[in-house]
Amino acid sequence: MDRLKQIEAFVAVAAKGSLTAVAGALGVAPAVIGRRIDSLEERLGVKLLRRTTRRITLTHEGSAFLEDCQRILADIANAEASVSAGGVKASGHLRVTAPGGFGRRHVAPLVPGFVAQHPEVSLSLNLSDRVVDIVNEGYDCAIRVGDLPDSNLVSLRLADNRRQCVAAPAYLEKAGRPQVPADLSMHACLTLSSEASQTRGWAFLVDGELVHVRPQGRVDCSDGQVLHQWCLAGLGIAWRSTWEVERDIAEGRLVEVLAEHAAPPNGIYALVPHRKHLPLRVRLWIDFVRHTYGDAGYWRGGP
């Protein structure tokens, strides 16, 4: 509690530039505010404020520390508001983007529940398989699946995502089961076409090392959902995400192969333009999605 009071005093003094003004607003003596600042500086071992009889200014260290302190206090305020029955309600318009297939199955079905909980929030959902520029296109949050490219965006991991090689039982009865990734060269593989984004091929662990295989097949498609349907129809082996095929595996429509060579999982992420001053509606949306995806049973019984 003392640390929080010290941080609050520091942020307030930095904003108002006066111990007296802050003390008056809090109903305490200026000396109390001064002691809180002194204790904070002593604990950190640096000077945060330059104090003269005329004015108070931030040191270089104080300027750097202030930004983090403001974020901490904003996080506390948002956390309290989100759980307090009498707290500030989330409001305003929320713009979210997600990949088409994943968004249809695992983002769009969450929207009714979220807006029911937060009736003063409106929401627009964009489903697109292109990489949307959320900053320049004005989106509050993007849901992304897989490895993330380097960027200045802030990413928050929502769940693990694993790729699995799968096939229909009828296909495996006819063609046999591959034992090692190299065996895929003798199988009909359902691959994304060359204009799609899966440029490195299918990833596997072989003797403890990550390798990429570029299998060939008689048919390919730029749409992963079509590959999924072809795989269910027994046309060949596909390399699909857990979120797409786990229910099919649980219910026997598909069988996983090469499981012992499966690559380590990547992730399902929420991306936001920045962490500072994140609107409450965005924070609550991310918490809502993360809570849903964090339930292991969701992926077998979800949409």
Protein backbone atom coordinates (compact mmCIF):
# COMPACT_ATOMS: atom_id res chain seq x y z
CA MET A 1 0.00 0.00 0.00
CA ASP A 2 2.86 2.39 0.83
CA ARG A 3 4.44 1.73 -2.57
CA LEU A 4 1.17 2.47 -4.34
CA LYS A 5 0.74 5.73 -2.40
CA GLN A 6 4.29 6.72 -3.32
CA ILE A 7 3.64 6.05 -7.01
CA GLU A 8 0.33 7.93 -6.90
CA ALA A 9 2.04 10.89 -5.23
CA PHE A 10 4.83 10.91 -7.81
CA VAL A 11 2.43 10.81 -10.77
CA ALA A 12 0.25 13.53 -9.28
CA VAL A 13 3.19 15.83 -8.52
CA ALA A 14 4.60 15.27 -12.03
CA ALA A 15 1.23 16.27 -13.49
CA LYS A 16 0.55 19.29 -11.26
CA GLY A 17 4.14 20.43 -10.70
CA SER A 18 3.39 21.29 -7.07
CA LEU A 19 3.47 19.48 -3.75
CA THR A 20 0.99 21.96 -2.32
CA ALA A 21 -1.54 21.42 -5.10
CA VAL A 22 -1.39 17.66 -4.73
CA ALA A 23 -1.60 17.84 -0.95
CA GLY A 24 -4.66 20.09 -1.18
CA ALA A 25 -6.40 17.71 -3.56
CA LEU A 26 -5.75 14.76 -1.23
CA GLY A 27 -6.48 16.63 1.98
CA VAL A 28 -3.05 16.07 3.56
CA ALA A 29 -0.11 18.31 4.47
CA PRO A 30 2.49 19.06 1.75
CA ALA A 31 5.10 17.44 3.98
CA VAL A 32 3.26 14.10 3.68
CA ILE A 33 3.53 14.20 -0.11
CA GLY A 34 7.17 15.22 0.16
CA ARG A 35 7.94 12.25 2.42
CA ARG A 36 6.28 9.86 -0.03
CA ILE A 37 8.41 11.18 -2.89
CA ASP A 38 11.56 11.00 -0.72
CA SER A 39 10.81 7.40 0.27
CA LEU A 40 10.22 6.42 -3.37
CA GLU A 41 13.50 7.99 -4.50
CA GLU A 42 15.38 6.40 -1.61
CA ARG A 43 13.98 2.97 -2.41
CA LEU A 44 14.83 3.28 -6.11
CA GLY A 45 18.20 4.90 -5.53
CA VAL A 46 17.61 7.66 -8.10
CA LYS A 47 16.30 11.21 -8.17
CA LEU A 48 12.97 11.43 -9.95
CA LEU A 49 12.20 15.12 -9.40
CA ARG A 50 14.22 18.33 -9.30
CA ARG A 51 12.64 20.50 -6.63
CA THR A 52 13.35 24.20 -6.24
CA THR A 53 11.42 26.95 -4.49
CA ARG A 54 9.95 27.95 -7.85
CA ARG A 55 9.06 24.72 -9.60
CA ILE A 56 9.33 20.95 -9.77
CA THR A 57 10.62 19.20 -12.91
CA LEU A 58 11.30 15.61 -13.87
CA THR A 59 14.79 14.19 -14.13
CA HIS A 60 15.67 11.92 -17.05
CA GLU A 61 15.03 8.88 -14.83
CA GLY A 62 11.81 10.45 -13.61
CA SER A 63 10.51 10.90 -17.16
CA ALA A 64 11.19 7.25 -17.99
CA PHE A 65 9.65 6.03 -14.73
CA LEU A 66 6.56 8.22 -15.09
CA GLU A 67 5.32 6.42 -18.20
CA ASP A 68 5.43 3.04 -16.46
CA CYS A 69 3.74 4.45 -13.36
CA GLN A 70 0.91 5.93 -15.42
CA ARG A 71 0.38 2.57 -17.12
CA ILE A 72 0.34 0.75 -13.75
CA LEU A 73 -2.24 3.11 -12.29
CA ALA A 74 -4.37 2.85 -15.46
CA ASP A 75 -4.20 -0.95 -15.29
CA ILE A 76 -5.33 -0.91 -11.66
CA ALA A 77 -8.20 1.46 -12.44
CA ASN A 78 -9.34 -0.68 -15.38
CA ALA A 79 -9.08 -3.88 -13.36
CA GLU A 80 -11.18 -2.41 -10.56
CA ALA A 81 -13.73 -1.04 -13.00
CA SER A 82 -14.11 -4.38 -14.77
CA VAL A 83 -15.04 -6.26 -11.60
CA SER A 84 -16.92 -3.58 -9.71
CA ALA A 85 -20.71 -3.67 -10.06
CA GLY A 86 -20.77 0.08 -9.65
CA GLY A 87 -17.65 0.66 -11.72
CA VAL A 88 -17.22 2.44 -15.02
CA LYS A 89 -18.99 0.57 -17.79
CA ALA A 90 -17.25 -0.25 -21.03
CA SER A 91 -18.68 1.73 -23.92
CA GLY A 92 -17.92 2.84 -27.45
CA HIS A 93 -17.19 1.03 -30.69
CA LEU A 94 -14.81 -1.92 -30.93
CA ARG A 95 -13.24 -2.91 -34.28
CA VAL A 96 -11.80 -6.43 -34.46
CA THR A 97 -10.21 -8.34 -37.34
CA ALA A 98 -9.44 -12.07 -37.63
CA PRO A 99 -8.55 -14.66 -40.31
CA GLY A 100 -11.55 -15.91 -42.28
CA GLY A 101 -11.74 -19.58 -41.31
CA PHE A 102 -10.66 -19.17 -37.71
CA GLY A 103 -12.81 -16.07 -37.32
CA ARG A 104 -15.96 -17.79 -38.54
CA ARG A 105 -15.53 -20.71 -36.15
CA HIS A 106 -13.85 -19.22 -33.10
CA VAL A 107 -14.28 -15.42 -33.06
CA ALA A 108 -17.70 -14.63 -34.51
CA PRO A 109 -19.54 -17.06 -32.15
CA LEU A 110 -18.09 -15.19 -29.13
CA VAL A 111 -19.50 -11.81 -30.16
CA PRO A 112 -23.12 -12.35 -28.98
CA GLY A 113 -21.98 -13.29 -25.48
CA PHE A 114 -19.60 -10.35 -25.25
CA VAL A 115 -22.06 -7.69 -26.38
CA ALA A 116 -24.72 -9.18 -24.08
CA GLN A 117 -22.35 -8.63 -21.14
CA HIS A 118 -21.48 -5.10 -22.29
CA PRO A 119 -24.63 -3.52 -23.76
CA GLU A 120 -23.01 -0.11 -24.26
CA VAL A 121 -20.32 -1.54 -26.57
CA SER A 122 -20.89 -1.93 -30.32
CA LEU A 123 -18.60 -4.19 -32.36
CA SER A 124 -17.50 -4.56 -35.98
CA LEU A 125 -15.80 -7.83 -37.01
CA ASN A 126 -13.70 -8.00 -40.17
CA LEU A 127 -12.82 -11.48 -41.45
CA SER A 128 -9.95 -11.48 -43.91
CA ASP A 129 -7.04 -13.78 -44.72
CA ARG A 130 -4.83 -10.86 -45.68
CA VAL A 131 -2.62 -9.33 -42.98
CA VAL A 132 -4.65 -6.28 -41.96
CA ASP A 133 -2.69 -3.17 -40.96
CA ILE A 134 -4.56 -2.53 -37.72
CA VAL A 135 -2.89 0.82 -37.03
CA ASN A 136 -3.47 2.49 -40.38
CA GLU A 137 -6.86 0.83 -40.92
CA GLY A 138 -8.15 1.80 -37.49
CA TYR A 139 -8.67 -1.57 -35.79
CA ASP A 140 -8.54 -1.96 -32.02
CA CYS A 141 -7.54 -5.62 -31.97
CA ALA A 142 -6.48 -8.38 -34.36
CA ILE A 143 -6.71 -12.09 -33.64
CA ARG A 144 -3.86 -13.92 -35.38
CA VAL A 145 -2.92 -17.59 -35.60
CA GLY A 146 0.63 -18.91 -36.03
CA ASP A 147 4.08 -17.39 -35.95
CA LEU A 148 4.04 -13.61 -35.82
CA PRO A 149 6.27 -11.43 -37.99
CA ASP A 150 8.39 -8.83 -36.26
CA SER A 151 6.39 -5.68 -35.73
CA ASN A 152 5.81 -2.81 -33.33
CA LEU A 153 2.43 -4.24 -32.32
CA VAL A 154 1.83 -5.59 -28.82
CA SER A 155 0.97 -9.31 -28.84
CA LEU A 156 -0.86 -11.20 -26.11
CA ARG A 157 -0.87 -15.00 -26.32
CA LEU A 158 -4.40 -16.38 -25.95
CA ALA A 159 -3.82 -20.11 -26.47
CA ASP A 160 -1.51 -22.65 -28.05
CA ASN A 161 -2.04 -23.79 -31.62
CA ARG A 162 -0.56 -27.00 -33.00
CA ARG A 163 -0.47 -28.25 -36.56
CA GLN A 164 -1.47 -31.85 -37.18
CA CYS A 165 -1.23 -34.18 -40.15
CA VAL A 166 -4.65 -35.77 -40.56
CA ALA A 167 -6.47 -38.05 -42.94
CA ALA A 168 -9.85 -39.75 -43.17
CA PRO A 169 -9.93 -43.41 -42.08
CA ALA A 170 -11.03 -44.42 -45.58
CA TYR A 171 -7.92 -42.84 -47.11
CA LEU A 172 -5.57 -44.57 -44.65
CA GLU A 173 -7.25 -47.95 -45.31
CA LYS A 174 -6.55 -47.49 -49.00
CA ALA A 175 -3.10 -45.83 -48.95
CA GLY A 176 -1.59 -46.88 -45.64
CA ARG A 177 -0.22 -44.76 -42.83
CA PRO A 178 3.02 -42.73 -43.21
CA GLN A 179 5.59 -43.55 -40.54
CA VAL A 180 8.07 -40.69 -41.04
CA PRO A 181 7.68 -37.30 -42.78
CA ALA A 182 9.66 -38.55 -45.80
CA ASP A 183 6.85 -41.06 -46.47
CA LEU A 184 4.59 -38.15 -47.47
CA SER A 185 6.23 -38.23 -50.91
CA MET A 186 4.31 -41.47 -51.54
CA HIS A 187 0.95 -40.03 -50.47
CA ALA A 188 -1.67 -37.69 -51.87
CA CYS A 189 -1.15 -34.49 -49.89
CA LEU A 190 -3.64 -31.65 -49.81
CA THR A 191 -1.59 -28.47 -49.93
CA LEU A 192 -2.15 -24.75 -50.08
CA SER A 193 -1.58 -23.37 -53.56
CA SER A 194 1.47 -21.30 -54.38
CA GLU A 195 -0.24 -17.94 -53.92
CA ALA A 196 -1.14 -18.82 -50.29
CA SER A 197 1.04 -17.93 -47.34
CA GLN A 198 2.39 -21.36 -46.35
CA THR A 199 5.70 -20.81 -48.13
CA ARG A 200 8.01 -22.93 -45.94
CA GLY A 201 5.99 -26.13 -46.15
CA TRP A 202 4.87 -28.49 -43.40
CA ALA A 203 6.94 -28.46 -40.18
CA PHE A 204 8.07 -31.60 -38.32
CA LEU A 205 10.54 -32.66 -35.66
CA VAL A 206 13.03 -35.21 -36.99
CA ASP A 207 15.76 -36.43 -34.60
CA GLY A 208 15.06 -33.43 -32.41
CA GLU A 209 15.48 -30.88 -35.21
CA LEU A 210 12.79 -28.81 -36.92
CA VAL A 211 12.55 -29.61 -40.63
CA HIS A 212 10.18 -28.40 -43.33
CA VAL A 213 8.72 -30.68 -45.97
CA ARG A 214 7.06 -29.45 -49.15
CA PRO A 215 4.74 -32.32 -50.11
CA GLN A 216 3.11 -32.59 -53.50
CA GLY A 217 -0.36 -33.67 -54.48
CA ARG A 218 -2.70 -33.86 -57.46
CA VAL A 219 -4.87 -31.03 -56.11
CA ASP A 220 -4.24 -27.87 -54.12
CA CYS A 221 -6.29 -24.88 -53.04
CA SER A 222 -5.73 -21.38 -51.67
CA ASP A 223 -8.51 -21.88 -49.08
CA GLY A 224 -7.73 -23.96 -46.01
CA GLN A 225 -11.38 -24.72 -45.34
CA VAL A 226 -11.63 -26.41 -48.74
CA LEU A 227 -8.58 -28.54 -47.90
CA HIS A 228 -10.31 -29.55 -44.69
CA GLN A 229 -13.42 -30.66 -46.58
CA TRP A 230 -11.36 -32.57 -49.15
CA CYS A 231 -9.55 -34.32 -46.31
CA LEU A 232 -12.86 -35.36 -44.73
CA ALA A 233 -13.90 -36.71 -48.12
CA GLY A 234 -10.85 -39.02 -48.18
CA LEU A 235 -8.92 -37.22 -50.90
CA GLY A 236 -5.59 -37.27 -49.04
CA ILE A 237 -3.52 -36.09 -46.07
CA ALA A 238 -3.76 -32.50 -44.87
CA TRP A 239 -1.70 -30.43 -42.43
CA ARG A 240 -4.23 -28.47 -40.42
CA SER A 241 -4.44 -26.55 -37.15
CA THR A 242 -5.73 -28.13 -33.95
CA TRP A 243 -8.56 -25.59 -33.75
CA GLU A 244 -9.87 -26.82 -37.09
CA VAL A 245 -9.66 -30.60 -36.77
CA GLU A 246 -9.63 -31.53 -33.08
CA ARG A 247 -13.36 -32.20 -32.95
CA ASP A 248 -13.16 -34.30 -36.12
CA ILE A 249 -10.40 -36.39 -34.51
CA ALA A 250 -12.37 -36.77 -31.27
CA GLU A 251 -15.43 -37.96 -33.21
CA GLY A 252 -13.51 -40.30 -35.53
CA ARG A 253 -13.96 -38.46 -38.83
CA LEU A 254 -10.21 -37.84 -39.08
CA VAL A 255 -7.14 -39.63 -37.74
CA GLU A 256 -3.87 -37.93 -36.80
CA VAL A 257 -0.72 -39.35 -38.40
CA LEU A 258 2.95 -38.57 -37.73
CA ALA A 259 1.99 -37.36 -34.23
CA GLU A 260 5.41 -38.35 -32.85
CA HIS A 261 6.98 -35.91 -35.34
CA ALA A 262 4.62 -32.99 -34.66
CA ALA A 263 6.37 -29.62 -34.46
CA PRO A 264 6.17 -27.54 -31.26
CA PRO A 265 3.01 -25.44 -31.00
CA ASN A 266 2.84 -21.85 -32.10
CA GLY A 267 0.16 -19.54 -30.75
CA ILE A 268 -3.15 -17.79 -31.11
CA TYR A 269 -2.63 -14.11 -30.34
CA ALA A 270 -4.44 -10.86 -29.78
CA LEU A 271 -2.57 -7.94 -31.30
CA VAL A 272 -3.16 -4.34 -30.25
CA PRO A 273 -1.46 -1.16 -31.48
CA HIS A 274 -0.03 -0.32 -28.04
CA ARG A 275 -0.36 -1.32 -24.41
CA LYS A 276 -0.65 2.18 -22.95
CA HIS A 277 -4.11 3.55 -22.20
CA LEU A 278 -5.85 0.52 -23.69
CA PRO A 279 -9.61 1.30 -23.72
CA LEU A 280 -11.62 -0.74 -21.26
CA ARG A 281 -13.74 -2.26 -24.06
CA VAL A 282 -10.57 -3.62 -25.72
CA ARG A 283 -9.19 -4.99 -22.47
CA LEU A 284 -12.49 -6.70 -21.64
CA TRP A 285 -12.75 -8.19 -25.14
CA ILE A 286 -9.27 -9.70 -24.86
CA ASP A 287 -10.04 -11.06 -21.38
CA PHE A 288 -13.31 -12.55 -22.68
CA VAL A 289 -11.57 -14.33 -25.57
CA ARG A 290 -8.64 -15.49 -23.45
CA HIS A 291 -10.98 -16.93 -20.81
CA THR A 292 -12.90 -18.86 -23.49
CA TYR A 293 -9.82 -20.19 -25.25
CA GLY A 294 -8.20 -21.09 -21.92
CA ASP A 295 -10.83 -23.77 -21.35
CA ALA A 296 -9.30 -26.95 -22.83
CA GLY A 297 -12.75 -28.42 -23.34
CA TYR A 298 -13.73 -25.52 -25.57
CA TRP A 299 -11.68 -26.79 -28.51
CA ARG A 300 -13.55 -30.11 -28.57
CA GLY A 301 -17.01 -28.79 -27.83
CA GLY A 302 -16.82 -25.27 -29.21
CA PRO A 303 -18.34 -23.89 -32.40
